[in-house]
Structure formats: structure tokens, C-alpha cells
Amino acid sequence: MTAPSMLEHALQYAQRNWHVFPLHSVQDGRCSCGQSCGKNAGKHPRVKGGFKVATTDPAQIEAWWRKWRNANIGIATGTLSGLVVIDIDGDDGIATLRSLVAQHELLPRTAIVKTARGWHLYFAMPTPCAPIPCSARNGLDVRGDGGFVVAPPSRHFSGLVYEWCGRVG
């Protein structure tokens, strides 16, 4: 049995009503855009408009991934996909999250993605809900309206692969 392709993963996300779009890919630590992108290699849009043109339309998704078979997958966050993602990077991010949880309450049960530097915690936005903007604080980023995340099984420039790894809460 072969692993699902990037296209198949993108289509699965679209079936969840998560709006997707192609990101540049990483091959041998280099970004497919041909530029020196450093830590942003494989994390920026392949299409003009980026997350603003993210879609759930299977025909458009198939066209993109036929053109760029190994493109990393971006998911638009916020109201469009009904999704808010907390991006936890390193020890600072863990400490910030612990502090916030201690001040407020436990996190609801949610899916977790292992990233190269930490984790992404995926949360469904309640409906109705005012837009939740993106923000950043000491290693903890909130990806809401006006943002996106790199989704599994995309490849990080370090060679690691983003992967679903369980639930928290």
C-alpha cells in the first residue's frame, strides 16, 4: 500500500472545508522557488494571492497539484476554514502556553501536528464567531484570519516532515 500523495492529502483537507493552496516544496534543503529562503524554504505560496486564493474546489486543487506534484500544502486559517491554529515553537512557546493555560483554563481537546520546532494545535472556531486575527507572543503564534499553516505531510527545510501525532486536552 502506498502513502497518499500530496494531492490526496490536499483533497482530504478540502473535504473538511479547510481551504488549501500550494506552497513551494523543499528538495535537498533548497526551496523550489530558487531563492535563498532560509527558514522560510517551503513555507511560502506557489500561487499569486497565497492564502487569499485558497479553495476547497477539487478541480482547482487537482490542477495545482498536477502542476506541482510535490508542493507543500498550505491551509488558510481563520473564518474561511473555520480553523484557528496555535503554533508553539521551542521552549519559549511551551512556557508561554503553560502560562496562558494557568491563567485561564485547560485547553479543549484538539488535534496536534508535530513540526520541526514544536507543534501546531488545531482548533475549530465556534460559530458564530468574530474574526480571530493572527498574533505572536514569545514563541507562540496564533494563526487566524489573515494567516495560514503548513500542513502534513509537507516537508520542512530541515528534512523533517510535518505529521499528525495525536490529541491534547
Protein backbone atom coordinates (compact mmCIF):
# COMPACT_ATOMS: atom_id res chain seq x y z
CA MET A 1 0.00 0.00 0.00
CA THR A 2 1.44 3.37 -0.99
CA ALA A 3 1.25 6.52 1.11
CA PRO A 4 -1.32 9.11 -0.02
CA SER A 5 0.08 11.76 -2.35
CA MET A 6 0.23 15.46 -1.53
CA LEU A 7 -2.80 15.88 -3.83
CA GLU A 8 -4.75 13.25 -1.88
CA HIS A 9 -3.93 14.99 1.40
CA ALA A 10 -4.92 18.38 0.00
CA LEU A 11 -8.24 16.94 -1.19
CA GLN A 12 -8.85 15.35 2.24
CA TYR A 13 -8.36 18.75 3.89
CA ALA A 14 -10.72 20.35 1.37
CA GLN A 15 -13.35 17.73 2.24
CA ARG A 16 -13.14 19.04 5.82
CA ASN A 17 -13.86 22.50 4.38
CA TRP A 18 -10.30 23.60 5.07
CA HIS A 19 -9.24 25.89 2.24
CA VAL A 20 -5.90 24.79 0.76
CA PHE A 21 -3.31 26.16 -1.63
CA PRO A 22 0.14 25.02 -2.81
CA LEU A 23 3.34 26.14 -1.13
CA HIS A 24 6.82 25.83 -2.53
CA SER A 25 8.48 22.49 -1.82
CA VAL A 26 11.87 21.62 -0.39
CA GLN A 27 14.35 19.34 -2.11
CA ASP A 28 17.75 18.68 -0.52
CA GLY A 29 17.26 21.64 1.83
CA ARG A 30 16.55 24.06 -1.04
CA CYS A 31 13.33 25.87 -1.82
CA SER A 32 11.69 25.21 -5.19
CA CYS A 33 11.45 28.97 -5.79
CA GLY A 34 15.20 29.01 -6.47
CA GLN A 35 15.86 31.76 -3.94
CA SER A 36 17.78 31.63 -0.69
CA CYS A 37 14.77 31.46 1.64
CA GLY A 38 16.50 30.24 4.79
CA LYS A 39 14.00 29.02 7.37
CA ASN A 40 11.09 30.05 5.10
CA ALA A 41 12.01 27.50 2.42
CA GLY A 42 8.91 25.53 1.52
CA LYS A 43 6.68 27.80 3.59
CA HIS A 44 5.64 30.42 1.05
CA PRO A 45 2.92 30.31 -1.61
CA ARG A 46 3.47 28.94 -5.11
CA VAL A 47 0.40 30.83 -6.36
CA LYS A 48 -0.22 34.54 -6.64
CA GLY A 49 -2.58 35.56 -3.87
CA GLY A 50 -1.40 32.84 -1.47
CA PHE A 51 -3.93 32.04 1.24
CA LYS A 52 -6.35 34.55 -0.28
CA VAL A 53 -6.93 32.15 -3.20
CA ALA A 54 -7.10 29.01 -1.03
CA THR A 55 -10.02 26.81 -2.03
CA THR A 56 -11.97 23.64 -1.41
CA ASP A 57 -12.69 23.22 -5.14
CA PRO A 58 -11.36 19.78 -6.14
CA ALA A 59 -10.80 20.81 -9.78
CA GLN A 60 -8.58 23.73 -8.78
CA ILE A 61 -6.72 21.65 -6.19
CA GLU A 62 -6.11 18.90 -8.76
CA ALA A 63 -4.86 21.45 -11.30
CA TRP A 64 -2.40 22.91 -8.79
CA TRP A 65 -1.01 19.55 -7.68
CA ARG A 66 -0.83 18.22 -11.25
CA LYS A 67 1.41 21.22 -12.00
CA TRP A 68 3.44 20.96 -8.75
CA ARG A 69 3.17 17.32 -7.66
CA ASN A 70 5.37 17.72 -4.56
CA ALA A 71 4.11 21.14 -3.47
CA ASN A 72 3.81 21.55 0.27
CA ILE A 73 0.26 22.15 1.49
CA GLY A 74 -0.93 25.42 2.98
CA ILE A 75 -4.22 25.69 4.86
CA ALA A 76 -5.80 29.13 5.21
CA THR A 77 -6.75 29.71 8.83
CA GLY A 78 -9.49 31.85 10.34
CA THR A 79 -13.08 32.29 9.32
CA LEU A 80 -12.53 30.94 5.79
CA SER A 81 -11.66 27.44 7.05
CA GLY A 82 -13.29 27.76 10.47
CA LEU A 83 -9.90 27.00 11.97
CA VAL A 84 -7.53 28.60 14.46
CA VAL A 85 -4.09 27.09 14.93
CA ILE A 86 -1.71 27.74 17.81
CA ASP A 87 1.88 27.40 16.63
CA ILE A 88 4.20 26.50 19.52
CA ASP A 89 7.91 26.96 18.79
CA GLY A 90 10.56 25.71 21.21
CA ASP A 91 10.87 26.15 24.96
CA ASP A 92 9.66 29.77 24.83
CA GLY A 93 6.43 28.71 23.14
CA ILE A 94 5.84 25.90 25.64
CA ALA A 95 6.42 28.29 28.56
CA THR A 96 4.06 30.88 27.07
CA LEU A 97 1.33 28.30 26.51
CA ARG A 98 1.71 26.92 30.05
CA SER A 99 1.44 30.42 31.47
CA LEU A 100 -1.71 31.16 29.47
CA VAL A 101 -3.33 27.86 30.45
CA ALA A 102 -2.51 28.50 34.13
CA GLN A 103 -4.10 31.97 33.95
CA HIS A 104 -7.23 30.93 32.09
CA GLU A 105 -8.24 27.28 31.80
CA LEU A 106 -7.42 23.95 30.26
CA LEU A 107 -7.21 23.69 26.51
CA PRO A 108 -10.10 21.90 24.80
CA ARG A 109 -9.35 18.53 23.23
CA THR A 110 -7.78 19.08 19.82
CA ALA A 111 -5.56 17.62 17.11
CA ILE A 112 -1.78 18.10 17.19
CA VAL A 113 0.75 18.33 14.37
CA LYS A 114 4.45 17.82 15.09
CA THR A 115 6.54 20.48 13.34
CA ALA A 116 10.31 20.86 13.07
CA ARG A 117 10.46 23.25 16.05
CA GLY A 118 7.35 22.36 18.05
CA TRP A 119 3.66 21.74 17.48
CA HIS A 120 0.55 23.10 15.82
CA LEU A 121 -2.67 22.77 17.84
CA TYR A 122 -5.74 22.84 15.56
CA PHE A 123 -8.99 24.29 16.94
CA ALA A 124 -12.38 24.59 15.26
CA MET A 125 -13.71 28.14 15.51
CA PRO A 126 -17.05 28.38 17.27
CA THR A 127 -19.93 29.64 15.14
CA PRO A 128 -20.88 32.36 15.07
CA CYS A 129 -17.52 33.87 15.93
CA ALA A 130 -15.90 37.25 15.39
CA PRO A 131 -12.75 37.06 13.26
CA ILE A 132 -9.68 35.97 15.22
CA PRO A 133 -6.57 37.79 13.98
CA CYS A 134 -3.09 36.36 13.78
CA SER A 135 -0.78 37.30 16.64
CA ALA A 136 2.58 36.34 18.09
CA ARG A 137 3.94 36.21 21.64
CA ASN A 138 7.19 34.65 22.90
CA GLY A 139 7.36 31.54 20.73
CA LEU A 140 3.58 31.17 20.47
CA ASP A 141 1.79 32.28 17.30
CA VAL A 142 -1.95 32.31 16.77
CA ARG A 143 -2.91 31.66 13.16
CA GLY A 144 -6.38 33.00 12.48
CA ASP A 145 -7.82 35.38 9.92
CA GLY A 146 -5.15 36.61 7.53
CA GLY A 147 -2.88 33.62 8.02
CA PHE A 148 -2.11 30.05 7.13
CA VAL A 149 -0.23 27.00 8.33
CA VAL A 150 1.93 24.41 6.62
CA ALA A 151 0.03 21.11 6.78
CA PRO A 152 1.12 17.48 6.98
CA PRO A 153 2.79 15.76 5.21
CA SER A 154 4.66 18.84 3.98
CA ARG A 155 8.45 18.78 4.23
CA HIS A 156 10.32 21.34 6.35
CA PHE A 157 13.64 22.71 5.06
CA SER A 158 15.39 20.69 7.80
CA GLY A 159 14.18 17.49 6.12
CA LEU A 160 11.59 16.71 8.80
CA VAL A 161 8.02 16.09 7.74
CA TYR A 162 5.01 17.73 9.40
CA GLU A 163 2.92 14.92 10.87
CA TRP A 164 -0.30 14.36 12.79
CA CYS A 165 0.67 12.97 16.18
CA GLY A 166 -2.40 12.79 18.41
CA ARG A 167 -4.65 14.91 20.56
CA VAL A 168 -4.31 17.11 23.62
CA GLY A 169 -6.92 18.01 26.20
